[in-house]
Amino acid sequence: MSDVRIDWEFDAILPHLSTPVRICSFNDAQVFVRRWAIRDKDRNIRALVRRMDKANSTETADSAIREMKQELAARGLMPGSDRGRIAAAQRRV
């Protein structure tokens, strides 16, 4: 699937990395999730990598991006979310 621009750009944080990464396209999201899977070794993240690799339409790509955002928010890896602020504060200590 070619690089599809996503509706809203957003920032995400990889585990053990303090600088947020800007996600501007589906390709950016795929690269981010692959690196996240290498760092985290979580089954849900690996399943998300497979779903993103198999995405063949805008609808499946959008669905994968929504799932990615949910996983990031659940782990406190989205700047601006309450969990993201708490996780960032804990990393600074």
Protein backbone atom coordinates (compact mmCIF):
# COMPACT_ATOMS: atom_id res chain seq x y z
CA MET A 1 0.00 0.00 0.00
CA SER A 2 1.42 3.38 -0.95
CA ASP A 3 2.04 6.05 1.63
CA VAL A 4 -1.36 7.37 2.68
CA ARG A 5 -1.63 10.70 4.48
CA ILE A 6 -3.68 10.40 7.64
CA ASP A 7 -6.43 12.83 8.70
CA TRP A 8 -4.71 14.11 11.83
CA GLU A 9 -1.03 14.23 12.56
CA PHE A 10 -0.09 13.23 16.09
CA ASP A 11 2.92 12.70 18.31
CA ALA A 12 3.86 9.41 19.92
CA ILE A 13 6.62 8.32 22.26
CA LEU A 14 8.60 5.10 21.92
CA PRO A 15 9.38 3.34 25.21
CA HIS A 16 12.70 4.53 26.67
CA LEU A 17 12.80 7.54 24.34
CA SER A 18 11.98 10.98 25.70
CA THR A 19 11.51 12.83 22.41
CA PRO A 20 8.09 12.46 20.76
CA VAL A 21 7.93 11.22 17.17
CA ARG A 22 5.58 13.01 14.73
CA ILE A 23 3.32 10.59 12.83
CA CYS A 24 2.19 12.23 9.56
CA SER A 25 1.40 9.27 7.31
CA PHE A 26 0.53 5.61 7.36
CA ASN A 27 4.12 4.79 6.45
CA ASP A 28 5.35 6.78 9.48
CA ALA A 29 2.91 4.82 11.65
CA GLN A 30 4.13 1.48 10.26
CA VAL A 31 7.77 2.31 10.93
CA PHE A 32 6.91 3.54 14.43
CA VAL A 33 4.93 0.38 15.29
CA ARG A 34 7.71 -1.88 13.98
CA ARG A 35 10.25 -0.11 16.19
CA TRP A 36 7.80 -0.25 19.08
CA ALA A 37 7.39 -4.01 18.61
CA ILE A 38 11.17 -4.46 18.72
CA ARG A 39 11.44 -2.49 21.96
CA ASP A 40 8.32 -3.79 23.73
CA LYS A 41 7.92 -7.46 22.65
CA ASP A 42 4.16 -7.23 23.37
CA ARG A 43 1.84 -9.63 21.52
CA ASN A 44 -0.77 -6.92 20.88
CA ILE A 45 1.83 -4.68 19.27
CA ARG A 46 3.11 -7.52 17.09
CA ALA A 47 -0.47 -8.25 16.00
CA LEU A 48 -0.87 -4.56 15.15
CA VAL A 49 2.28 -4.74 12.99
CA ARG A 50 0.75 -7.65 11.06
CA ARG A 51 -2.56 -5.81 10.59
CA MET A 52 -0.75 -2.72 9.33
CA ASP A 53 1.33 -4.80 6.92
CA LYS A 54 -1.84 -6.38 5.51
CA ALA A 55 -3.74 -3.08 5.17
CA ASN A 56 -4.90 -2.78 1.57
CA SER A 57 -7.42 0.06 1.77
CA THR A 58 -7.85 3.42 3.40
CA GLU A 59 -10.48 1.99 5.74
CA THR A 60 -8.19 -0.74 7.10
CA ALA A 61 -5.33 1.76 7.39
CA ASP A 62 -7.55 4.17 9.35
CA SER A 63 -8.70 1.34 11.59
CA ALA A 64 -5.09 0.35 12.28
CA ILE A 65 -4.18 3.97 13.10
CA ARG A 66 -7.11 4.19 15.55
CA GLU A 67 -5.98 0.96 17.19
CA MET A 68 -2.42 2.28 17.38
CA LYS A 69 -3.64 5.44 19.12
CA GLN A 70 -5.64 3.35 21.60
CA GLU A 71 -2.60 1.20 22.43
CA LEU A 72 -0.41 4.30 22.81
CA ALA A 73 -2.92 6.00 25.09
CA ALA A 74 -3.37 2.85 27.19
CA ARG A 75 0.38 2.74 27.80
CA GLY A 76 0.79 6.48 28.36
CA LEU A 77 2.87 6.97 25.22
CA MET A 78 0.87 9.82 23.70
CA PRO A 79 1.98 13.29 24.77
CA GLY A 80 -0.94 15.32 26.07
CA SER A 81 -2.83 12.39 27.54
CA ASP A 82 -3.03 12.19 31.32
CA ARG A 83 -1.19 8.88 31.34
CA GLY A 84 1.40 10.36 28.98
CA ARG A 85 2.11 13.21 31.38
CA ILE A 86 2.33 10.82 34.34
CA ALA A 87 4.65 8.44 32.44
CA ALA A 88 6.86 11.33 31.31
CA ALA A 89 7.12 12.61 34.88
CA GLN A 90 8.07 9.14 36.13
CA ARG A 91 10.80 8.83 33.47
CA ARG A 92 12.31 12.14 34.61
CA VAL A 93 12.63 10.95 38.22
